[in-house]
Amino acid sequence: MKPDLLEHLQRLAGLVVPEGEREAFASELARMIDYVRRVRSLAAEVASETKDGPAERPTLLRDDLPGKCLSAEDVFRGAPAVADALFVTPPLHEREE
């Protein structure tokens, strides 16, 4: 993996990879990217095999029926922070001004 690509990915993901670990990190990341490529290839293969319609087997999933809903109190009970009936989370990225 090219160093400039690794630096770009670090910025996008907000990661700081120490200089001494960059080679191992790049190698591991390259393995992950290869795995994703193989999964995509498999997904495309499966999609092309099933493009003519559903398989002959019936679905084994249950019907999607409405049921009892949780109260707002139950939903937010374990939340670390709530404001205006919304979960409060830390920002994913710092804003650059």
PDB file of N, CA and C in Angstrom:
ATOM      1  N   MET A   1       0.846  -1.169   0.000  1.00  0.00           N
ATOM      2  CA  MET A   1       0.000   0.000   0.000  1.00  0.00           C
ATOM      3  C   MET A   1       0.896   1.238   0.000  1.00  0.00           C
ATOM      4  N   LYS A   2       0.529   2.172  -0.825  1.00  0.00           N
ATOM      5  CA  LYS A   2       1.337   3.401  -0.935  1.00  0.00           C
ATOM      6  C   LYS A   2       1.189   4.239   0.331  1.00  0.00           C
ATOM      7  N   PRO A   3       2.286   4.869   0.764  1.00  0.00           N
ATOM      8  CA  PRO A   3       2.238   5.686   1.988  1.00  0.00           C
ATOM      9  C   PRO A   3       1.212   6.818   1.924  1.00  0.00           C
ATOM     10  N   ASP A   4       1.044   7.440   0.737  1.00  0.00           N
ATOM     11  CA  ASP A   4       0.085   8.544   0.650  1.00  0.00           C
ATOM     12  C   ASP A   4      -1.350   8.052   0.819  1.00  0.00           C
ATOM     13  N   LEU A   5      -1.644   6.829   0.352  1.00  0.00           N
ATOM     14  CA  LEU A   5      -2.974   6.257   0.554  1.00  0.00           C
ATOM     15  C   LEU A   5      -3.196   5.965   2.036  1.00  0.00           C
ATOM     16  N   LEU A   6      -2.195   5.418   2.690  1.00  0.00           N
ATOM     17  CA  LEU A   6      -2.299   5.139   4.120  1.00  0.00           C
ATOM     18  C   LEU A   6      -2.527   6.428   4.907  1.00  0.00           C
ATOM     19  N   GLU A   7      -1.816   7.472   4.577  1.00  0.00           N
ATOM     20  CA  GLU A   7      -2.006   8.764   5.257  1.00  0.00           C
ATOM     21  C   GLU A   7      -3.412   9.301   5.015  1.00  0.00           C
ATOM     22  N   HIS A   8      -3.906   9.163   3.792  1.00  0.00           N
ATOM     23  CA  HIS A   8      -5.257   9.625   3.467  1.00  0.00           C
ATOM     24  C   HIS A   8      -6.292   8.851   4.291  1.00  0.00           C
ATOM     25  N   LEU A   9      -6.146   7.534   4.375  1.00  0.00           N
ATOM     26  CA  LEU A   9      -7.078   6.717   5.153  1.00  0.00           C
ATOM     27  C   LEU A   9      -7.017   7.063   6.644  1.00  0.00           C
ATOM     28  N   GLN A  10      -5.829   7.361   7.133  1.00  0.00           N
ATOM     29  CA  GLN A  10      -5.696   7.766   8.533  1.00  0.00           C
ATOM     30  C   GLN A  10      -6.482   9.049   8.797  1.00  0.00           C
ATOM     31  N   ARG A  11      -6.375  10.006   7.880  1.00  0.00           N
ATOM     32  CA  ARG A  11      -7.114  11.264   8.053  1.00  0.00           C
ATOM     33  C   ARG A  11      -8.614  11.023   8.009  1.00  0.00           C
ATOM     34  N   LEU A  12      -9.070  10.208   7.045  1.00  0.00           N
ATOM     35  CA  LEU A  12     -10.500   9.929   6.923  1.00  0.00           C
ATOM     36  C   LEU A  12     -11.058   9.244   8.160  1.00  0.00           C
ATOM     37  N   ALA A  13     -10.293   8.300   8.710  1.00  0.00           N
ATOM     38  CA  ALA A  13     -10.770   7.523   9.845  1.00  0.00           C
ATOM     39  C   ALA A  13     -10.415   8.160  11.181  1.00  0.00           C
ATOM     40  N   GLY A  14      -9.661   9.234  11.159  1.00  0.00           N
ATOM     41  CA  GLY A  14      -9.262   9.878  12.407  1.00  0.00           C
ATOM     42  C   GLY A  14      -8.290   9.030  13.210  1.00  0.00           C
ATOM     43  N   LEU A  15      -7.451   8.252  12.521  1.00  0.00           N
ATOM     44  CA  LEU A  15      -6.499   7.371  13.185  1.00  0.00           C
ATOM     45  C   LEU A  15      -5.116   8.000  13.246  1.00  0.00           C
ATOM     46  N   VAL A  16      -4.382   7.607  14.262  1.00  0.00           N
ATOM     47  CA  VAL A  16      -2.978   7.976  14.355  1.00  0.00           C
ATOM     48  C   VAL A  16      -2.204   6.673  14.472  1.00  0.00           C
ATOM     49  N   VAL A  17      -1.472   6.327  13.414  1.00  0.00           N
ATOM     50  CA  VAL A  17      -0.684   5.104  13.413  1.00  0.00           C
ATOM     51  C   VAL A  17       0.770   5.499  13.618  1.00  0.00           C
ATOM     52  N   PRO A  18       1.378   5.047  14.718  1.00  0.00           N
ATOM     53  CA  PRO A  18       2.781   5.390  14.969  1.00  0.00           C
ATOM     54  C   PRO A  18       3.682   4.942  13.823  1.00  0.00           C
ATOM     55  N   GLU A  19       4.728   5.671  13.580  1.00  0.00           N
ATOM     56  CA  GLU A  19       5.651   5.408  12.471  1.00  0.00           C
ATOM     57  C   GLU A  19       6.131   3.958  12.460  1.00  0.00           C
ATOM     58  N   GLY A  20       6.454   3.406  13.608  1.00  0.00           N
ATOM     59  CA  GLY A  20       6.984   2.057  13.688  1.00  0.00           C
ATOM     60  C   GLY A  20       5.956   0.967  13.405  1.00  0.00           C
ATOM     61  N   GLU A  21       4.664   1.325  13.376  1.00  0.00           N
ATOM     62  CA  GLU A  21       3.610   0.338  13.156  1.00  0.00           C
ATOM     63  C   GLU A  21       2.950   0.465  11.788  1.00  0.00           C
ATOM     64  N   ARG A  22       3.397   1.421  11.004  1.00  0.00           N
ATOM     65  CA  ARG A  22       2.727   1.690   9.720  1.00  0.00           C
ATOM     66  C   ARG A  22       2.835   0.537   8.732  1.00  0.00           C
ATOM     67  N   GLU A  23       3.981  -0.114   8.674  1.00  0.00           N
ATOM     68  CA  GLU A  23       4.149  -1.211   7.717  1.00  0.00           C
ATOM     69  C   GLU A  23       3.210  -2.364   8.063  1.00  0.00           C
ATOM     70  N   ALA A  24       3.150  -2.736   9.330  1.00  0.00           N
ATOM     71  CA  ALA A  24       2.250  -3.818   9.752  1.00  0.00           C
ATOM     72  C   ALA A  24       0.796  -3.413   9.549  1.00  0.00           C
ATOM     73  N   PHE A  25       0.470  -2.158   9.860  1.00  0.00           N
ATOM     74  CA  PHE A  25      -0.898  -1.659   9.692  1.00  0.00           C
ATOM     75  C   PHE A  25      -1.288  -1.690   8.215  1.00  0.00           C
ATOM     76  N   ALA A  26      -0.382  -1.246   7.336  1.00  0.00           N
ATOM     77  CA  ALA A  26      -0.657  -1.229   5.900  1.00  0.00           C
ATOM     78  C   ALA A  26      -0.869  -2.652   5.386  1.00  0.00           C
ATOM     79  N   SER A  27      -0.070  -3.590   5.882  1.00  0.00           N
ATOM     80  CA  SER A  27      -0.214  -4.985   5.468  1.00  0.00           C
ATOM     81  C   SER A  27      -1.564  -5.551   5.900  1.00  0.00           C
ATOM     82  N   GLU A  28      -1.944  -5.278   7.129  1.00  0.00           N
ATOM     83  CA  GLU A  28      -3.230  -5.762   7.635  1.00  0.00           C
ATOM     84  C   GLU A  28      -4.388  -5.120   6.876  1.00  0.00           C
ATOM     85  N   LEU A  29      -4.266  -3.829   6.616  1.00  0.00           N
ATOM     86  CA  LEU A  29      -5.305  -3.121   5.867  1.00  0.00           C
ATOM     87  C   LEU A  29      -5.421  -3.674   4.443  1.00  0.00           C
ATOM     88  N   ALA A  30      -4.304  -3.985   3.823  1.00  0.00           N
ATOM     89  CA  ALA A  30      -4.323  -4.560   2.475  1.00  0.00           C
ATOM     90  C   ALA A  30      -5.038  -5.912   2.485  1.00  0.00           C
ATOM     91  N   ARG A  31      -4.836  -6.708   3.538  1.00  0.00           N
ATOM     92  CA  ARG A  31      -5.531  -7.996   3.658  1.00  0.00           C
ATOM     93  C   ARG A  31      -7.040  -7.781   3.786  1.00  0.00           C
ATOM     94  N   MET A  32      -7.439  -6.766   4.548  1.00  0.00           N
ATOM     95  CA  MET A  32      -8.867  -6.478   4.702  1.00  0.00           C
ATOM     96  C   MET A  32      -9.483  -6.038   3.373  1.00  0.00           C
ATOM     97  N   ILE A  33      -8.760  -5.191   2.637  1.00  0.00           N
ATOM     98  CA  ILE A  33      -9.260  -4.714   1.346  1.00  0.00           C
ATOM     99  C   ILE A  33      -9.403  -5.886   0.378  1.00  0.00           C
ATOM    100  N   ASP A  34      -8.440  -6.797   0.392  1.00  0.00           N
ATOM    101  CA  ASP A  34      -8.521  -7.988  -0.453  1.00  0.00           C
ATOM    102  C   ASP A  34      -9.742  -8.832  -0.079  1.00  0.00           C
ATOM    103  N   TYR A  35      -9.994  -8.968   1.210  1.00  0.00           N
ATOM    104  CA  TYR A  35     -11.152  -9.735   1.676  1.00  0.00           C
ATOM    105  C   TYR A  35     -12.456  -9.097   1.183  1.00  0.00           C
ATOM    106  N   VAL A  36     -12.544  -7.782   1.270  1.00  0.00           N
ATOM    107  CA  VAL A  36     -13.746  -7.078   0.801  1.00  0.00           C
ATOM    108  C   VAL A  36     -13.930  -7.300  -0.697  1.00  0.00           C
ATOM    109  N   ARG A  37     -12.844  -7.278  -1.445  1.00  0.00           N
ATOM    110  CA  ARG A  37     -12.932  -7.535  -2.890  1.00  0.00           C
ATOM    111  C   ARG A  37     -13.473  -8.936  -3.161  1.00  0.00           C
ATOM    112  N   ARG A  38     -13.004  -9.920  -2.386  1.00  0.00           N
ATOM    113  CA  ARG A  38     -13.478 -11.294  -2.579  1.00  0.00           C
ATOM    114  C   ARG A  38     -14.963 -11.404  -2.228  1.00  0.00           C
ATOM    115  N   VAL A  39     -15.394 -10.732  -1.159  1.00  0.00           N
ATOM    116  CA  VAL A  39     -16.808 -10.767  -0.775  1.00  0.00           C
ATOM    117  C   VAL A  39     -17.663 -10.113  -1.851  1.00  0.00           C
ATOM    118  N   ARG A  40     -17.200  -8.977  -2.371  1.00  0.00           N
ATOM    119  CA  ARG A  40     -17.942  -8.312  -3.452  1.00  0.00           C
ATOM    120  C   ARG A  40     -18.074  -9.219  -4.664  1.00  0.00           C
ATOM    121  N   SER A  41     -17.000  -9.892  -5.007  1.00  0.00           N
ATOM    122  CA  SER A  41     -17.018 -10.802  -6.144  1.00  0.00           C
ATOM    123  C   SER A  41     -18.029 -11.918  -5.913  1.00  0.00           C
ATOM    124  N   LEU A  42     -18.024 -12.471  -4.717  1.00  0.00           N
ATOM    125  CA  LEU A  42     -18.969 -13.529  -4.378  1.00  0.00           C
ATOM    126  C   LEU A  42     -20.402 -13.004  -4.416  1.00  0.00           C
ATOM    127  N   ALA A  43     -20.613 -11.800  -3.873  1.00  0.00           N
ATOM    128  CA  ALA A  43     -21.956 -11.211  -3.879  1.00  0.00           C
ATOM    129  C   ALA A  43     -22.438 -10.996  -5.307  1.00  0.00           C
ATOM    130  N   ALA A  44     -21.556 -10.548  -6.179  1.00  0.00           N
ATOM    131  CA  ALA A  44     -21.939 -10.338  -7.579  1.00  0.00           C
ATOM    132  C   ALA A  44     -22.277 -11.671  -8.236  1.00  0.00           C
ATOM    133  N   GLU A  45     -21.503 -12.708  -7.902  1.00  0.00           N
ATOM    134  CA  GLU A  45     -21.756 -14.036  -8.455  1.00  0.00           C
ATOM    135  C   GLU A  45     -23.118 -14.564  -8.002  1.00  0.00           C
ATOM    136  N   VAL A  46     -23.408 -14.414  -6.723  1.00  0.00           N
ATOM    137  CA  VAL A  46     -24.688 -14.878  -6.181  1.00  0.00           C
ATOM    138  C   VAL A  46     -25.834 -14.080  -6.797  1.00  0.00           C
ATOM    139  N   ALA A  47     -25.642 -12.776  -6.931  1.00  0.00           N
ATOM    140  CA  ALA A  47     -26.690 -11.938  -7.511  1.00  0.00           C
ATOM    141  C   ALA A  47     -26.984 -12.356  -8.943  1.00  0.00           C
ATOM    142  N   SER A  48     -25.936 -12.684  -9.701  1.00  0.00           N
ATOM    143  CA  SER A  48     -26.171 -13.088 -11.092  1.00  0.00           C
ATOM    144  C   SER A  48     -26.879 -14.438 -11.165  1.00  0.00           C
ATOM    145  N   GLU A  49     -26.643 -15.301 -10.189  1.00  0.00           N
ATOM    146  CA  GLU A  49     -27.310 -16.603 -10.171  1.00  0.00           C
ATOM    147  C   GLU A  49     -28.784 -16.502  -9.783  1.00  0.00           C
ATOM    148  N   THR A  50     -29.132 -15.462  -9.044  1.00  0.00           N
ATOM    149  CA  THR A  50     -30.508 -15.335  -8.551  1.00  0.00           C
ATOM    150  C   THR A  50     -31.294 -14.229  -9.255  1.00  0.00           C
ATOM    151  N   LYS A  51     -30.747 -13.680 -10.323  1.00  0.00           N
ATOM    152  CA  LYS A  51     -31.407 -12.545 -10.980  1.00  0.00           C
ATOM    153  C   LYS A  51     -32.738 -12.916 -11.627  1.00  0.00           C
ATOM    154  N   ASP A  52     -32.953 -14.202 -11.879  1.00  0.00           N
ATOM    155  CA  ASP A  52     -34.184 -14.622 -12.553  1.00  0.00           C
ATOM    156  C   ASP A  52     -35.364 -14.804 -11.607  1.00  0.00           C
ATOM    157  N   GLY A  53     -35.186 -14.523 -10.341  1.00  0.00           N
ATOM    158  CA  GLY A  53     -36.296 -14.635  -9.406  1.00  0.00           C
ATOM    159  C   GLY A  53     -35.891 -15.372  -8.149  1.00  0.00           C
ATOM    160  N   PRO A  54     -36.810 -15.481  -7.216  1.00  0.00           N
ATOM    161  CA  PRO A  54     -36.495 -16.136  -5.954  1.00  0.00           C
ATOM    162  C   PRO A  54     -36.234 -17.624  -6.150  1.00  0.00           C
ATOM    163  N   ALA A  55     -35.513 -18.184  -5.215  1.00  0.00           N
ATOM    164  CA  ALA A  55     -35.247 -19.619  -5.260  1.00  0.00           C
ATOM    165  C   ALA A  55     -36.557 -20.387  -5.115  1.00  0.00           C
ATOM    166  N   GLU A  56     -36.523 -21.648  -5.433  1.00  0.00           N
ATOM    167  CA  GLU A  56     -37.739 -22.454  -5.359  1.00  0.00           C
ATOM    168  C   GLU A  56     -38.178 -22.712  -3.928  1.00  0.00           C
ATOM    169  N   ARG A  57     -37.263 -22.584  -2.968  1.00  0.00           N
ATOM    170  CA  ARG A  57     -37.630 -22.809  -1.568  1.00  0.00           C
ATOM    171  C   ARG A  57     -38.425 -21.619  -1.040  1.00  0.00           C
ATOM    172  N   PRO A  58     -39.446 -21.873  -0.261  1.00  0.00           N
ATOM    173  CA  PRO A  58     -40.188 -20.754   0.342  1.00  0.00           C
ATOM    174  C   PRO A  58     -39.347 -20.096   1.437  1.00  0.00           C
ATOM    175  N   THR A  59     -39.647 -18.869   1.717  1.00  0.00           N
ATOM    176  CA  THR A  59     -38.927 -18.180   2.770  1.00  0.00           C
ATOM    177  C   THR A  59     -39.295 -18.764   4.128  1.00  0.00           C
ATOM    178  N   LEU A  60     -38.334 -18.804   5.022  1.00  0.00           N
ATOM    179  CA  LEU A  60     -38.570 -19.354   6.353  1.00  0.00           C
ATOM    180  C   LEU A  60     -38.765 -18.251   7.391  1.00  0.00           C
ATOM    181  N   LEU A  61     -38.886 -17.016   6.927  1.00  0.00           N
ATOM    182  CA  LEU A  61     -39.055 -15.897   7.845  1.00  0.00           C
ATOM    183  C   LEU A  61     -40.521 -15.750   8.234  1.00  0.00           C
ATOM    184  N   ARG A  62     -40.731 -15.272   9.445  1.00  0.00           N
ATOM    185  CA  ARG A  62     -42.092 -15.064   9.905  1.00  0.00           C
ATOM    186  C   ARG A  62     -42.669 -13.795   9.274  1.00  0.00           C
ATOM    187  N   ASP A  63     -43.977 -13.651   9.314  1.00  0.00           N
ATOM    188  CA  ASP A  63     -44.611 -12.430   8.841  1.00  0.00           C
ATOM    189  C   ASP A  63     -44.197 -11.274   9.738  1.00  0.00           C
ATOM    190  N   ASP A  64     -44.034 -10.106   9.148  1.00  0.00           N
ATOM    191  CA  ASP A  64     -43.678  -8.910   9.898  1.00  0.00           C
ATOM    192  C   ASP A  64     -44.972  -8.259  10.376  1.00  0.00           C
ATOM    193  N   LEU A  65     -45.301  -8.474  11.638  1.00  0.00           N
ATOM    194  CA  LEU A  65     -46.540  -7.968  12.201  1.00  0.00           C
ATOM    195  C   LEU A  65     -46.251  -6.923  13.272  1.00  0.00           C
ATOM    196  N   PRO A  66     -47.107  -5.909  13.397  1.00  0.00           N
ATOM    197  CA  PRO A  66     -46.894  -4.918  14.443  1.00  0.00           C
ATOM    198  C   PRO A  66     -47.016  -5.562  15.823  1.00  0.00           C
ATOM    199  N   GLY A  67     -46.233  -5.063  16.741  1.00  0.00           N
ATOM    200  CA  GLY A  67     -46.271  -5.594  18.102  1.00  0.00           C
ATOM    201  C   GLY A  67     -46.154  -4.471  19.109  1.00  0.00           C
ATOM    202  N   LYS A  68     -45.975  -4.845  20.363  1.00  0.00           N
ATOM    203  CA  LYS A  68     -45.861  -3.873  21.431  1.00  0.00           C
ATOM    204  C   LYS A  68     -44.556  -3.079  21.276  1.00  0.00           C
ATOM    205  N   CYS A  69     -44.646  -1.768  21.417  1.00  0.00           N
ATOM    206  CA  CYS A  69     -43.481  -0.892  21.305  1.00  0.00           C
ATOM    207  C   CYS A  69     -42.942  -0.548  22.685  1.00  0.00           C
ATOM    208  N   LEU A  70     -41.660  -0.235  22.724  1.00  0.00           N
ATOM    209  CA  LEU A  70     -41.050   0.218  23.972  1.00  0.00           C
ATOM    210  C   LEU A  70     -41.474   1.659  24.262  1.00  0.00           C
ATOM    211  N   SER A  71     -41.563   1.992  25.521  1.00  0.00           N
ATOM    212  CA  SER A  71     -41.827   3.387  25.886  1.00  0.00           C
ATOM    213  C   SER A  71     -40.534   4.175  25.721  1.00  0.00           C
ATOM    214  N   ALA A  72     -40.658   5.493  25.589  1.00  0.00           N
ATOM    215  CA  ALA A  72     -39.468   6.343  25.477  1.00  0.00           C
ATOM    216  C   ALA A  72     -38.582   6.164  26.699  1.00  0.00           C
ATOM    217  N   GLU A  73     -39.199   6.004  27.862  1.00  0.00           N
ATOM    218  CA  GLU A  73     -38.423   5.804  29.094  1.00  0.00           C
ATOM    219  C   GLU A  73     -37.565   4.538  28.995  1.00  0.00           C
ATOM    220  N   ASP A  74     -38.146   3.454  28.482  1.00  0.00           N
ATOM    221  CA  ASP A  74     -37.398   2.206  28.324  1.00  0.00           C
ATOM    222  C   ASP A  74     -36.285   2.347  27.289  1.00  0.00           C
ATOM    223  N   VAL A  75     -36.573   3.051  26.203  1.00  0.00           N
ATOM    224  CA  VAL A  75     -35.580   3.222  25.144  1.00  0.00           C
ATOM    225  C   VAL A  75     -34.364   3.980  25.658  1.00  0.00           C
ATOM    226  N   PHE A  76     -34.584   5.050  26.397  1.00  0.00           N
ATOM    227  CA  PHE A  76     -33.484   5.912  26.828  1.00  0.00           C
ATOM    228  C   PHE A  76     -32.883   5.507  28.173  1.00  0.00           C
ATOM    229  N   ARG A  77     -33.402   4.480  28.805  1.00  0.00           N
ATOM    230  CA  ARG A  77     -32.949   4.094  30.142  1.00  0.00           C
ATOM    231  C   ARG A  77     -31.432   3.892  30.221  1.00  0.00           C
ATOM    232  N   GLY A  78     -30.834   3.219  29.271  1.00  0.00           N
ATOM    233  CA  GLY A  78     -29.400   2.932  29.324  1.00  0.00           C
ATOM    234  C   GLY A  78     -28.530   3.934  28.586  1.00  0.00           C
ATOM    235  N   ALA A  79     -29.137   4.969  28.054  1.00  0.00           N
ATOM    236  CA  ALA A  79     -28.369   5.947  27.279  1.00  0.00           C
ATOM    237  C   ALA A  79     -27.505   6.803  28.194  1.00  0.00           C
ATOM    238  N   PRO A  80     -26.266   7.047  27.792  1.00  0.00           N
ATOM    239  CA  PRO A  80     -25.402   7.907  28.604  1.00  0.00           C
ATOM    240  C   PRO A  80     -25.875   9.363  28.621  1.00  0.00           C
ATOM    241  N   ALA A  81     -26.524   9.807  27.526  1.00  0.00           N
ATOM    242  CA  ALA A  81     -27.012  11.189  27.469  1.00  0.00           C
ATOM    243  C   ALA A  81     -28.191  11.285  26.505  1.00  0.00           C
ATOM    244  N   VAL A  82     -29.195  12.091  26.906  1.00  0.00           N
ATOM    245  CA  VAL A  82     -30.394  12.291  26.096  1.00  0.00           C
ATOM    246  C   VAL A  82     -30.727  13.775  26.122  1.00  0.00           C
ATOM    247  N   ALA A  83     -31.140  14.308  24.971  1.00  0.00           N
ATOM    248  CA  ALA A  83     -31.583  15.707  24.899  1.00  0.00           C
ATOM    249  C   ALA A  83     -32.723  15.790  23.895  1.00  0.00           C
ATOM    250  N   ASP A  84     -33.817  16.390  24.279  1.00  0.00           N
ATOM    251  CA  ASP A  84     -34.983  16.567  23.404  1.00  0.00           C
ATOM    252  C   ASP A  84     -35.425  15.239  22.786  1.00  0.00           C
ATOM    253  N   ALA A  85     -35.463  14.188  23.586  1.00  0.00           N
ATOM    254  CA  ALA A  85     -35.890  12.852  23.163  1.00  0.00           C
ATOM    255  C   ALA A  85     -35.006  12.279  22.058  1.00  0.00           C
ATOM    256  N   LEU A  86     -33.719  12.623  22.072  1.00  0.00           N
ATOM    257  CA  LEU A  86     -32.740  12.100  21.120  1.00  0.00           C
ATOM    258  C   LEU A  86     -31.507  11.619  21.890  1.00  0.00           C
ATOM    259  N   PHE A  87     -30.843  10.587  21.382  1.00  0.00           N
ATOM    260  CA  PHE A  87     -29.575  10.164  21.956  1.00  0.00           C
ATOM    261  C   PHE A  87     -28.527  11.230  21.672  1.00  0.00           C
ATOM    262  N   VAL A  88     -27.701  11.541  22.647  1.00  0.00           N
ATOM    263  CA  VAL A  88     -26.613  12.488  22.462  1.00  0.00           C
ATOM    264  C   VAL A  88     -25.330  11.681  22.317  1.00  0.00           C
ATOM    265  N   THR A  89     -24.622  11.909  21.219  1.00  0.00           N
ATOM    266  CA  THR A  89     -23.378  11.196  20.953  1.00  0.00           C
ATOM    267  C   THR A  89     -22.264  12.194  20.691  1.00  0.00           C
ATOM    268  N   PRO A  90     -21.018  11.773  20.896  1.00  0.00           N
ATOM    269  CA  PRO A  90     -19.911  12.679  20.565  1.00  0.00           C
ATOM    270  C   PRO A  90     -19.816  12.840  19.051  1.00  0.00           C
ATOM    271  N   PRO A  91     -19.289  13.944  18.584  1.00  0.00           N
ATOM    272  CA  PRO A  91     -19.159  14.140  17.135  1.00  0.00           C
ATOM    273  C   PRO A  91     -18.186  13.123  16.546  1.00  0.00           C
ATOM    274  N   LEU A  92     -18.451  12.715  15.299  1.00  0.00           N
ATOM    275  CA  LEU A  92     -17.558  11.784  14.623  1.00  0.00           C
ATOM    276  C   LEU A  92     -16.302  12.470  14.116  1.00  0.00           C
ATOM    277  N   HIS A  93     -16.446  13.715  13.700  1.00  0.00           N
ATOM    278  CA  HIS A  93     -15.317  14.449  13.149  1.00  0.00           C
ATOM    279  C   HIS A  93     -15.313  15.859  13.732  1.00  0.00           C
ATOM    280  N   GLU A  94     -14.124  16.350  13.939  1.00  0.00           N
ATOM    281  CA  GLU A  94     -13.995  17.743  14.368  1.00  0.00           C
ATOM    282  C   GLU A  94     -14.212  18.623  13.153  1.00  0.00           C
ATOM    283  N   ARG A  95     -14.880  19.738  13.337  1.00  0.00           N
ATOM    284  CA  ARG A  95     -15.078  20.664  12.234  1.00  0.00           C
ATOM    285  C   ARG A  95     -13.825  21.487  12.031  1.00  0.00           C
ATOM    286  N   GLU A  96     -13.416  21.595  10.775  1.00  0.00           N
ATOM    287  CA  GLU A  96     -12.268  22.440  10.434  1.00  0.00           C
ATOM    288  C   GLU A  96     -12.814  23.789  10.002  1.00  0.00           C
ATOM    289  N   GLU A  97     -12.279  24.830  10.577  1.00  0.00           N
ATOM    290  CA  GLU A  97     -12.773  26.164  10.212  1.00  0.00           C
ATOM    291  C   GLU A  97     -11.688  26.982   9.609  1.00  0.00           C
TER     292      GLU A  97
END
